[in-house]
Amino acid sequence: MRLKIDLKSENENFMIPFNYNHILSSIIYNKIADLDLADKLHNSTSFKFFTFSQINVPNRKITKKGIISRDGRVNFYISSPNDYLIRSLVDGFLDDLYMKFKHEKLFVEKIELLKEIEFQNKMEFKTLSPIIVRKKKEVDGKLKIWDLTPGDEFFKALEENLIRKYLMFNEIGSTDKKIKIYSEMKSVKRKRIAIEKGPQTTYNRGYMMDIILEGDLNLIKFAYDSGIGERGSEGFGCIKLLIK
């Protein structure tokens, strides 16, 4: 299931910093009406089975400090294969139509539960937030995490990650369902995003791109709902149907 959230700042010329993933992630956790579920997800060290898009600013101005919404309006998407989580978020947003975004107060103008798309065995999507996938490599006797760049290893890792998430979400040990993930590499754009967690800041290299999913319908739907790649709950890997 997928939600579109339309927000309006009390002030025009609402400033959004370039690195806002941790802000938006905190807002989402705070809006989950089921507090036990919110706590469980927040403290989980495993897959959390939701993702969200970048913030869309229809009337925008780019500055050195960030993106200005000239009319104070922005929107974003939240997606999850967990229908109960989506319903709990709807309840949370409706219970309190206001939220804090740094020092700005935002009002929820509209919450829209999007109609399910018709899935096919081969579909082309575009990213609404960067895809990130990583690999552990040994350097000087120590394991380090490397962000992969688009290529055979990158797409293979995406397929394996999706299968692992699918198995865990459905609480099964194995599946014969298959999926192939690839891109024609015509629209790849690298994005470097900083994620703040307490006093620590980590820098992540993700990629915006058009991407093709081919294979089992259930896996394609799951990829659409849960996101592709790693760190979906931090705002990576959200995709939408590419309409040409």
Protein backbone atom coordinates (compact mmCIF):
# COMPACT_ATOMS: atom_id res chain seq x y z
CA MET A 1 0.00 0.00 0.00
CA ARG A 2 1.10 3.56 -0.63
CA LEU A 3 0.24 6.97 0.76
CA LYS A 4 0.79 10.42 -0.66
CA ILE A 5 1.08 13.11 2.00
CA ASP A 6 0.57 16.78 1.05
CA LEU A 7 1.97 19.30 3.55
CA LYS A 8 1.82 23.08 3.88
CA SER A 9 4.13 25.25 5.94
CA GLU A 10 2.71 28.12 7.99
CA ASN A 11 5.30 30.29 6.28
CA GLU A 12 5.94 30.79 2.61
CA ASN A 13 9.53 30.31 1.43
CA PHE A 14 9.79 27.14 3.51
CA MET A 15 13.45 26.02 3.52
CA ILE A 16 14.24 22.29 3.20
CA PRO A 17 17.87 21.24 3.78
CA PHE A 18 19.45 18.98 1.18
CA ASN A 19 19.94 16.20 3.74
CA TYR A 20 16.56 15.71 5.40
CA ASN A 21 16.15 11.91 5.47
CA HIS A 22 16.55 11.66 9.24
CA ILE A 23 13.96 14.44 9.75
CA LEU A 24 11.36 12.76 7.56
CA SER A 25 12.09 9.35 9.06
CA SER A 26 11.50 10.72 12.57
CA ILE A 27 8.21 12.26 11.49
CA ILE A 28 7.03 8.91 10.09
CA TYR A 29 7.89 7.02 13.29
CA ASN A 30 6.13 9.68 15.37
CA LYS A 31 2.99 9.41 13.24
CA ILE A 32 2.51 5.65 13.69
CA ALA A 33 -0.61 5.50 15.86
CA ASP A 34 0.22 2.04 17.24
CA LEU A 35 2.95 3.01 19.69
CA ASP A 36 4.04 -0.60 20.24
CA LEU A 37 4.53 -1.03 16.49
CA ALA A 38 6.41 2.27 16.27
CA ASP A 39 8.72 1.22 19.09
CA LYS A 40 9.26 -2.23 17.60
CA LEU A 41 10.17 -0.81 14.19
CA HIS A 42 12.37 1.93 15.59
CA ASN A 43 14.41 -0.50 17.67
CA SER A 44 14.61 -3.25 15.08
CA THR A 45 18.04 -3.96 13.61
CA SER A 46 16.53 -5.93 10.73
CA PHE A 47 14.31 -5.02 7.77
CA LYS A 48 11.48 -2.64 8.65
CA PHE A 49 9.49 -3.11 5.46
CA PHE A 50 8.68 0.46 4.55
CA THR A 51 10.22 3.14 2.43
CA PHE A 52 9.58 6.76 1.58
CA SER A 53 10.31 9.05 -1.31
CA GLN A 54 12.29 12.21 -1.51
CA ILE A 55 10.33 15.37 -0.78
CA ASN A 56 8.71 16.80 -3.89
CA VAL A 57 8.64 20.61 -4.06
CA PRO A 58 6.43 21.69 -7.00
CA ASN A 59 7.19 25.43 -6.73
CA ARG A 60 10.84 25.43 -5.76
CA LYS A 61 14.02 27.44 -5.77
CA ILE A 62 17.43 25.83 -5.30
CA THR A 63 19.87 27.70 -3.07
CA LYS A 64 23.25 26.89 -1.54
CA LYS A 65 21.58 26.07 1.79
CA GLY A 66 18.76 23.91 0.47
CA ILE A 67 15.49 23.92 -1.44
CA ILE A 68 12.94 26.69 -0.91
CA SER A 69 9.25 25.97 -1.41
CA ARG A 70 7.98 29.32 -2.68
CA ASP A 71 4.39 28.60 -1.61
CA GLY A 72 5.20 26.45 1.45
CA ARG A 73 3.78 23.30 -0.14
CA VAL A 74 5.57 19.93 -0.38
CA ASN A 75 4.57 16.28 -0.69
CA PHE A 76 6.07 12.83 -0.33
CA TYR A 77 5.14 9.14 -0.53
CA ILE A 78 5.24 6.37 2.06
CA SER A 79 5.03 2.76 0.92
CA SER A 80 4.89 -0.62 2.68
CA PRO A 81 3.73 -4.20 2.12
CA ASN A 82 2.46 -4.05 5.72
CA ASP A 83 -1.13 -2.84 5.34
CA TYR A 84 -1.54 -2.47 9.09
CA LEU A 85 1.42 -0.07 9.23
CA ILE A 86 -0.10 2.08 6.46
CA ARG A 87 -3.47 2.18 8.25
CA SER A 88 -1.73 3.09 11.51
CA LEU A 89 0.05 5.95 9.74
CA VAL A 90 -3.25 7.23 8.33
CA ASP A 91 -4.68 7.21 11.86
CA GLY A 92 -1.61 8.99 13.19
CA PHE A 93 -1.66 11.74 10.58
CA LEU A 94 -5.41 12.27 11.04
CA ASP A 95 -5.16 12.32 14.85
CA ASP A 96 -2.81 15.30 14.67
CA LEU A 97 -2.69 17.24 11.42
CA TYR A 98 0.39 19.19 12.49
CA MET A 99 4.04 18.20 12.73
CA LYS A 100 7.43 19.77 13.27
CA PHE A 101 10.00 19.84 10.47
CA LYS A 102 13.08 21.26 12.17
CA HIS A 103 11.82 24.71 13.24
CA GLU A 104 8.87 24.79 10.84
CA LYS A 105 5.30 23.77 11.64
CA LEU A 106 3.66 21.81 8.83
CA PHE A 107 -0.03 21.16 8.28
CA VAL A 108 -1.35 18.00 6.59
CA GLU A 109 -3.45 19.30 3.70
CA LYS A 110 -4.24 15.89 2.23
CA ILE A 111 -3.65 12.19 2.81
CA GLU A 112 -4.27 10.03 -0.23
CA LEU A 113 -4.26 6.24 -0.30
CA LEU A 114 -3.10 5.54 -3.84
CA LYS A 115 -4.89 3.07 -6.07
CA GLU A 116 -3.01 -0.20 -6.60
CA ILE A 117 -1.27 -0.34 -9.95
CA GLU A 118 -1.72 -3.30 -12.30
CA PHE A 119 1.41 -5.41 -12.09
CA GLN A 120 2.90 -7.29 -15.03
CA ASN A 121 5.82 -9.71 -15.39
CA LYS A 122 8.05 -7.00 -16.83
CA MET A 123 7.74 -3.39 -15.73
CA GLU A 124 9.87 -0.26 -15.85
CA PHE A 125 10.07 2.03 -12.86
CA LYS A 126 11.85 5.22 -11.86
CA THR A 127 13.32 6.00 -8.47
CA LEU A 128 11.61 8.41 -6.10
CA SER A 129 14.55 8.12 -3.73
CA PRO A 130 18.09 6.85 -4.37
CA ILE A 131 18.87 3.14 -4.47
CA ILE A 132 21.69 2.03 -2.22
CA VAL A 133 23.25 -1.42 -1.96
CA ARG A 134 26.45 -2.25 -0.10
CA LYS A 135 29.05 -4.95 0.25
CA LYS A 136 31.52 -5.81 2.99
CA LYS A 137 35.14 -5.91 1.86
CA GLU A 138 38.28 -6.69 3.81
CA VAL A 139 40.82 -3.86 3.77
CA ASP A 140 44.05 -4.20 5.77
CA GLY A 141 42.53 -7.02 7.80
CA LYS A 142 39.38 -5.08 8.65
CA LEU A 143 35.88 -5.38 7.22
CA LYS A 144 34.61 -2.19 5.64
CA ILE A 145 31.27 -1.44 4.02
CA TRP A 146 31.36 -0.18 0.44
CA ASP A 147 28.51 1.38 -1.52
CA LEU A 148 28.27 -0.46 -4.84
CA THR A 149 27.99 1.37 -8.15
CA PRO A 150 25.50 0.28 -10.85
CA GLY A 151 26.77 -2.78 -12.67
CA ASP A 152 26.39 -6.58 -12.60
CA GLU A 153 27.35 -6.87 -8.92
CA PHE A 154 25.03 -3.99 -7.98
CA PHE A 155 21.95 -5.48 -9.67
CA LYS A 156 22.69 -9.00 -8.43
CA ALA A 157 22.90 -7.65 -4.88
CA LEU A 158 19.53 -5.90 -5.37
CA GLU A 159 17.92 -9.18 -6.42
CA GLU A 160 19.38 -11.06 -3.46
CA ASN A 161 18.37 -8.33 -1.02
CA LEU A 162 14.79 -8.34 -2.33
CA ILE A 163 14.49 -12.13 -1.96
CA ARG A 164 15.81 -11.97 1.62
CA LYS A 165 13.27 -9.30 2.52
CA TYR A 166 10.44 -11.22 0.83
CA LEU A 167 11.28 -14.42 2.74
CA MET A 168 11.50 -12.61 6.07
CA PHE A 169 8.28 -10.62 5.56
CA ASN A 170 6.33 -13.75 4.63
CA GLU A 171 8.07 -15.84 7.32
CA ILE A 172 9.15 -18.58 4.93
CA GLY A 173 12.48 -20.31 4.52
CA SER A 174 12.76 -20.43 0.74
CA THR A 175 10.97 -19.66 -2.51
CA ASP A 176 11.23 -20.69 -6.14
CA LYS A 177 10.05 -17.23 -7.24
CA LYS A 178 12.63 -15.37 -9.34
CA ILE A 179 13.25 -11.78 -10.37
CA LYS A 180 15.72 -9.98 -12.59
CA ILE A 181 16.59 -6.34 -11.88
CA TYR A 182 18.47 -4.26 -14.42
CA SER A 183 18.65 -0.85 -16.07
CA GLU A 184 19.36 0.51 -19.52
CA MET A 185 21.62 3.00 -17.70
CA LYS A 186 20.30 6.03 -19.58
CA SER A 187 19.31 8.10 -16.57
CA VAL A 188 21.70 7.17 -13.77
CA LYS A 189 22.46 10.00 -11.36
CA ARG A 190 24.59 9.65 -8.25
CA LYS A 191 23.38 11.26 -5.02
CA ARG A 192 25.37 11.60 -1.80
CA ILE A 193 23.13 11.75 1.25
CA ALA A 194 24.09 12.34 4.86
CA ILE A 195 22.15 10.50 7.59
CA GLU A 196 22.36 11.88 11.11
CA LYS A 197 22.00 9.53 14.08
CA GLY A 198 22.68 11.30 17.32
CA PRO A 199 26.21 12.69 17.24
CA GLN A 200 27.17 10.55 14.23
CA THR A 201 26.72 11.39 10.56
CA THR A 202 27.11 8.73 7.88
CA TYR A 203 27.45 9.50 4.20
CA ASN A 204 25.74 7.25 1.68
CA ARG A 205 26.14 7.05 -2.08
CA GLY A 206 22.91 6.13 -3.81
CA TYR A 207 21.63 6.28 -7.37
CA MET A 208 18.57 7.71 -9.05
CA MET A 209 17.70 5.81 -12.21
CA ASP A 210 15.12 4.12 -14.38
CA ILE A 211 15.04 0.43 -13.49
CA ILE A 212 13.43 -2.67 -14.98
CA LEU A 213 11.94 -5.50 -12.91
CA GLU A 214 11.22 -8.77 -14.70
CA GLY A 215 9.91 -11.97 -13.15
CA ASP A 216 7.37 -13.10 -10.56
CA LEU A 217 4.42 -10.74 -10.03
CA ASN A 218 4.50 -11.13 -6.24
CA LEU A 219 8.16 -10.12 -6.10
CA ILE A 220 7.59 -7.12 -8.35
CA LYS A 221 4.69 -5.97 -6.19
CA PHE A 222 6.75 -6.51 -3.06
CA ALA A 223 9.61 -4.45 -4.52
CA TYR A 224 7.15 -1.64 -5.30
CA ASP A 225 5.69 -1.71 -1.78
CA SER A 226 8.85 -2.23 0.28
CA GLY A 227 11.42 -0.46 -1.87
CA ILE A 228 14.52 -1.72 -3.66
CA GLY A 229 17.90 -2.11 -2.02
CA GLU A 230 18.98 -1.30 1.51
CA ARG A 231 17.92 1.28 4.12
CA GLY A 232 14.39 1.77 2.83
CA SER A 233 13.21 3.02 6.22
CA GLU A 234 15.81 5.80 5.97
CA GLY A 235 14.44 7.01 2.66
CA PHE A 236 16.16 4.89 0.01
CA GLY A 237 14.86 2.73 -2.84
CA CYS A 238 11.30 4.04 -3.28
CA ILE A 239 10.14 3.54 -6.89
CA LYS A 240 7.17 4.46 -9.06
CA LEU A 241 5.86 3.21 -12.38
CA LEU A 242 7.61 4.88 -15.31
CA ILE A 243 5.06 6.25 -17.75
CA LYS A 244 6.57 7.14 -21.10
